[in-house]
Amino acid sequence: MTDLARTPTQLGNFIRRTRKKHALNQTQLGAKAGLRQETISLIEAGNPAAKIETILAVLAALDLEFRIVPRTRGGAKDIEDIF
């Protein structure tokens, strides 16, 4: 699975969809990541203040990884239409 997220909101939406595919609620994901349910909620809502360490913990708990690749053409609006 390869998805593109360029904004905190897009990343939060992706995390929410993946959590639901894994049949986890926010509390269960938080427990797997060593975080509070409230933190998972903030991330899924697109809170831009989330620390990278926190995002990485959530991604690891969902068996995902963070990759850096060259940016593709297209604006943020074009990408949001995908989601």
N, C-alpha and C. Protein backbone atom coordinates (compact mmCIF):
# COMPACT_ATOMS: atom_id res chain seq x y z
N MET A 1 0.85 -1.18 0.00
CA MET A 1 0.00 0.00 0.00
C MET A 1 0.89 1.23 0.00
N THR A 2 0.64 2.14 -0.92
CA THR A 2 1.37 3.40 -0.98
C THR A 2 0.35 4.52 -1.04
N ASP A 3 0.41 5.40 -0.05
CA ASP A 3 -0.46 6.57 -0.02
C ASP A 3 0.40 7.79 0.12
N LEU A 4 -0.13 8.91 -0.28
CA LEU A 4 0.58 10.17 -0.24
C LEU A 4 -0.10 11.10 0.74
N ALA A 5 0.68 11.69 1.63
CA ALA A 5 0.15 12.68 2.58
C ALA A 5 1.10 13.86 2.59
N ARG A 6 0.57 15.03 2.31
CA ARG A 6 1.37 16.25 2.28
C ARG A 6 0.99 17.24 3.37
N THR A 7 -0.07 16.95 4.08
CA THR A 7 -0.51 17.84 5.15
C THR A 7 -0.80 17.00 6.40
N PRO A 8 -0.79 17.63 7.58
CA PRO A 8 -1.15 16.90 8.79
C PRO A 8 -2.55 16.28 8.72
N THR A 9 -3.47 16.96 8.07
CA THR A 9 -4.83 16.44 7.93
C THR A 9 -4.84 15.18 7.07
N GLN A 10 -4.12 15.19 5.97
CA GLN A 10 -4.05 14.01 5.11
C GLN A 10 -3.39 12.84 5.85
N LEU A 11 -2.33 13.12 6.60
CA LEU A 11 -1.68 12.07 7.38
C LEU A 11 -2.63 11.51 8.43
N GLY A 12 -3.35 12.38 9.10
CA GLY A 12 -4.32 11.94 10.10
C GLY A 12 -5.41 11.07 9.50
N ASN A 13 -5.90 11.45 8.34
CA ASN A 13 -6.93 10.65 7.66
C ASN A 13 -6.39 9.28 7.27
N PHE A 14 -5.16 9.24 6.80
CA PHE A 14 -4.54 7.97 6.44
C PHE A 14 -4.38 7.06 7.67
N ILE A 15 -3.92 7.64 8.76
CA ILE A 15 -3.75 6.87 9.99
C ILE A 15 -5.11 6.34 10.47
N ARG A 16 -6.14 7.16 10.42
CA ARG A 16 -7.48 6.73 10.83
C ARG A 16 -7.96 5.55 9.97
N ARG A 17 -7.83 5.68 8.65
CA ARG A 17 -8.27 4.61 7.76
C ARG A 17 -7.51 3.31 8.03
N THR A 18 -6.21 3.43 8.24
CA THR A 18 -5.40 2.25 8.49
C THR A 18 -5.75 1.62 9.84
N ARG A 19 -5.97 2.45 10.85
CA ARG A 19 -6.37 1.94 12.17
C ARG A 19 -7.66 1.13 12.04
N LYS A 20 -8.61 1.67 11.29
CA LYS A 20 -9.90 0.99 11.13
C LYS A 20 -9.74 -0.31 10.33
N LYS A 21 -8.85 -0.33 9.34
CA LYS A 21 -8.58 -1.56 8.59
C LYS A 21 -8.02 -2.64 9.50
N HIS A 22 -7.28 -2.22 10.52
CA HIS A 22 -6.71 -3.15 11.50
C HIS A 22 -7.71 -3.48 12.61
N ALA A 23 -8.93 -2.96 12.49
CA ALA A 23 -9.99 -3.18 13.48
C ALA A 23 -9.56 -2.77 14.89
N LEU A 24 -8.89 -1.62 14.97
CA LEU A 24 -8.46 -1.08 16.26
C LEU A 24 -9.25 0.19 16.56
N ASN A 25 -9.56 0.41 17.83
CA ASN A 25 -10.09 1.72 18.21
C ASN A 25 -8.91 2.58 18.64
N GLN A 26 -9.16 3.84 18.92
CA GLN A 26 -8.07 4.75 19.27
C GLN A 26 -7.35 4.33 20.54
N THR A 27 -8.07 3.81 21.51
CA THR A 27 -7.46 3.37 22.76
C THR A 27 -6.51 2.20 22.51
N GLN A 28 -6.93 1.26 21.69
CA GLN A 28 -6.10 0.10 21.38
C GLN A 28 -4.84 0.50 20.62
N LEU A 29 -4.99 1.39 19.64
CA LEU A 29 -3.82 1.88 18.91
C LEU A 29 -2.89 2.63 19.85
N GLY A 30 -3.46 3.45 20.70
CA GLY A 30 -2.63 4.17 21.67
C GLY A 30 -1.84 3.23 22.55
N ALA A 31 -2.46 2.16 23.00
CA ALA A 31 -1.76 1.18 23.84
C ALA A 31 -0.61 0.52 23.07
N LYS A 32 -0.84 0.19 21.81
CA LYS A 32 0.22 -0.41 21.00
C LYS A 32 1.38 0.55 20.77
N ALA A 33 1.07 1.85 20.68
CA ALA A 33 2.09 2.85 20.41
C ALA A 33 2.67 3.47 21.67
N GLY A 34 2.11 3.12 22.82
CA GLY A 34 2.57 3.71 24.08
C GLY A 34 2.10 5.14 24.26
N LEU A 35 0.90 5.43 23.74
CA LEU A 35 0.35 6.79 23.77
C LEU A 35 -1.06 6.77 24.35
N ARG A 36 -1.54 7.93 24.72
CA ARG A 36 -2.91 8.06 25.21
C ARG A 36 -3.89 8.12 24.03
N GLN A 37 -5.11 7.73 24.27
CA GLN A 37 -6.16 7.80 23.25
C GLN A 37 -6.31 9.23 22.75
N GLU A 38 -6.19 10.19 23.64
CA GLU A 38 -6.34 11.59 23.26
C GLU A 38 -5.29 12.01 22.23
N THR A 39 -4.08 11.45 22.36
CA THR A 39 -3.02 11.77 21.41
C THR A 39 -3.36 11.21 20.03
N ILE A 40 -3.87 10.00 19.99
CA ILE A 40 -4.28 9.40 18.71
C ILE A 40 -5.38 10.26 18.08
N SER A 41 -6.32 10.70 18.88
CA SER A 41 -7.40 11.55 18.37
C SER A 41 -6.85 12.84 17.76
N LEU A 42 -5.91 13.48 18.43
CA LEU A 42 -5.32 14.72 17.91
C LEU A 42 -4.59 14.48 16.58
N ILE A 43 -3.85 13.38 16.50
CA ILE A 43 -3.13 13.06 15.27
C ILE A 43 -4.12 12.83 14.13
N GLU A 44 -5.15 12.06 14.39
CA GLU A 44 -6.14 11.77 13.35
C GLU A 44 -6.90 13.02 12.93
N ALA A 45 -7.00 13.99 13.82
CA ALA A 45 -7.67 15.25 13.49
C ALA A 45 -6.76 16.19 12.70
N GLY A 46 -5.49 15.80 12.53
CA GLY A 46 -4.56 16.63 11.75
C GLY A 46 -3.86 17.68 12.55
N ASN A 47 -3.72 17.48 13.85
CA ASN A 47 -3.02 18.45 14.69
C ASN A 47 -1.58 18.62 14.20
N PRO A 48 -1.21 19.83 13.77
CA PRO A 48 0.13 20.03 13.22
C PRO A 48 1.23 20.07 14.27
N ALA A 49 0.89 20.03 15.55
CA ALA A 49 1.89 20.10 16.61
C ALA A 49 2.42 18.73 17.04
N ALA A 50 1.96 17.66 16.39
CA ALA A 50 2.41 16.32 16.76
C ALA A 50 3.91 16.18 16.49
N LYS A 51 4.61 15.60 17.45
CA LYS A 51 6.05 15.38 17.31
C LYS A 51 6.31 14.23 16.34
N ILE A 52 7.42 14.31 15.64
CA ILE A 52 7.77 13.25 14.69
C ILE A 52 7.93 11.92 15.41
N GLU A 53 8.46 11.92 16.63
CA GLU A 53 8.61 10.68 17.39
C GLU A 53 7.25 10.04 17.65
N THR A 54 6.26 10.86 17.90
CA THR A 54 4.90 10.36 18.15
C THR A 54 4.31 9.77 16.88
N ILE A 55 4.46 10.46 15.77
CA ILE A 55 3.98 9.96 14.48
C ILE A 55 4.66 8.63 14.15
N LEU A 56 5.97 8.56 14.36
CA LEU A 56 6.69 7.33 14.05
C LEU A 56 6.22 6.17 14.93
N ALA A 57 5.91 6.45 16.19
CA ALA A 57 5.40 5.40 17.08
C ALA A 57 4.05 4.88 16.59
N VAL A 58 3.19 5.78 16.14
CA VAL A 58 1.89 5.37 15.62
C VAL A 58 2.05 4.56 14.34
N LEU A 59 2.90 5.02 13.45
CA LEU A 59 3.12 4.28 12.21
C LEU A 59 3.68 2.88 12.49
N ALA A 60 4.61 2.78 13.42
CA ALA A 60 5.18 1.47 13.77
C ALA A 60 4.11 0.56 14.36
N ALA A 61 3.24 1.10 15.18
CA ALA A 61 2.17 0.30 15.78
C ALA A 61 1.20 -0.22 14.72
N LEU A 62 1.13 0.47 13.59
CA LEU A 62 0.27 0.04 12.48
C LEU A 62 1.05 -0.74 11.42
N ASP A 63 2.29 -1.11 11.74
CA ASP A 63 3.17 -1.83 10.82
C ASP A 63 3.41 -1.04 9.53
N LEU A 64 3.60 0.27 9.70
CA LEU A 64 3.90 1.16 8.58
C LEU A 64 5.26 1.80 8.82
N GLU A 65 5.82 2.37 7.77
CA GLU A 65 7.07 3.09 7.90
C GLU A 65 7.00 4.41 7.16
N PHE A 66 7.89 5.29 7.52
CA PHE A 66 7.97 6.64 6.98
C PHE A 66 9.06 6.65 5.91
N ARG A 67 8.75 7.10 4.71
CA ARG A 67 9.74 7.17 3.63
C ARG A 67 9.79 8.57 3.06
N ILE A 68 10.98 8.96 2.65
CA ILE A 68 11.17 10.26 1.99
C ILE A 68 11.46 10.00 0.52
N VAL A 69 10.67 10.62 -0.34
CA VAL A 69 10.85 10.46 -1.78
C VAL A 69 10.74 11.84 -2.43
N PRO A 70 11.26 11.98 -3.64
CA PRO A 70 11.11 13.27 -4.32
C PRO A 70 9.63 13.60 -4.50
N ARG A 71 9.32 14.86 -4.35
CA ARG A 71 7.95 15.32 -4.46
C ARG A 71 7.47 15.22 -5.90
N THR A 72 6.24 14.75 -6.08
CA THR A 72 5.65 14.66 -7.41
C THR A 72 4.97 15.98 -7.74
N ARG A 73 4.70 16.17 -9.00
CA ARG A 73 4.02 17.39 -9.42
C ARG A 73 2.57 17.36 -8.97
N GLY A 74 2.00 18.52 -8.83
CA GLY A 74 0.61 18.63 -8.40
C GLY A 74 0.53 19.37 -7.09
N GLY A 75 -0.50 20.13 -6.93
CA GLY A 75 -0.66 20.91 -5.72
C GLY A 75 -1.36 20.12 -4.63
N ALA A 76 -1.39 20.69 -3.45
CA ALA A 76 -2.04 20.05 -2.30
C ALA A 76 -3.52 19.78 -2.60
N LYS A 77 -4.17 20.69 -3.31
CA LYS A 77 -5.58 20.51 -3.64
C LYS A 77 -5.78 19.26 -4.49
N ASP A 78 -4.87 19.02 -5.46
CA ASP A 78 -4.95 17.83 -6.29
C ASP A 78 -4.85 16.57 -5.46
N ILE A 79 -3.97 16.59 -4.49
CA ILE A 79 -3.74 15.42 -3.64
C ILE A 79 -4.94 15.20 -2.73
N GLU A 80 -5.53 16.28 -2.18
CA GLU A 80 -6.67 16.14 -1.28
C GLU A 80 -7.84 15.48 -1.99
N ASP A 81 -7.96 15.67 -3.29
CA ASP A 81 -9.04 15.04 -4.03
C ASP A 81 -8.94 13.52 -4.01
N ILE A 82 -7.73 12.99 -3.84
CA ILE A 82 -7.53 11.54 -3.76
C ILE A 82 -8.18 10.98 -2.52
N PHE A 83 -8.12 11.76 -1.42
CA PHE A 83 -8.64 11.30 -0.13
C PHE A 83 -10.08 11.65 -0.02
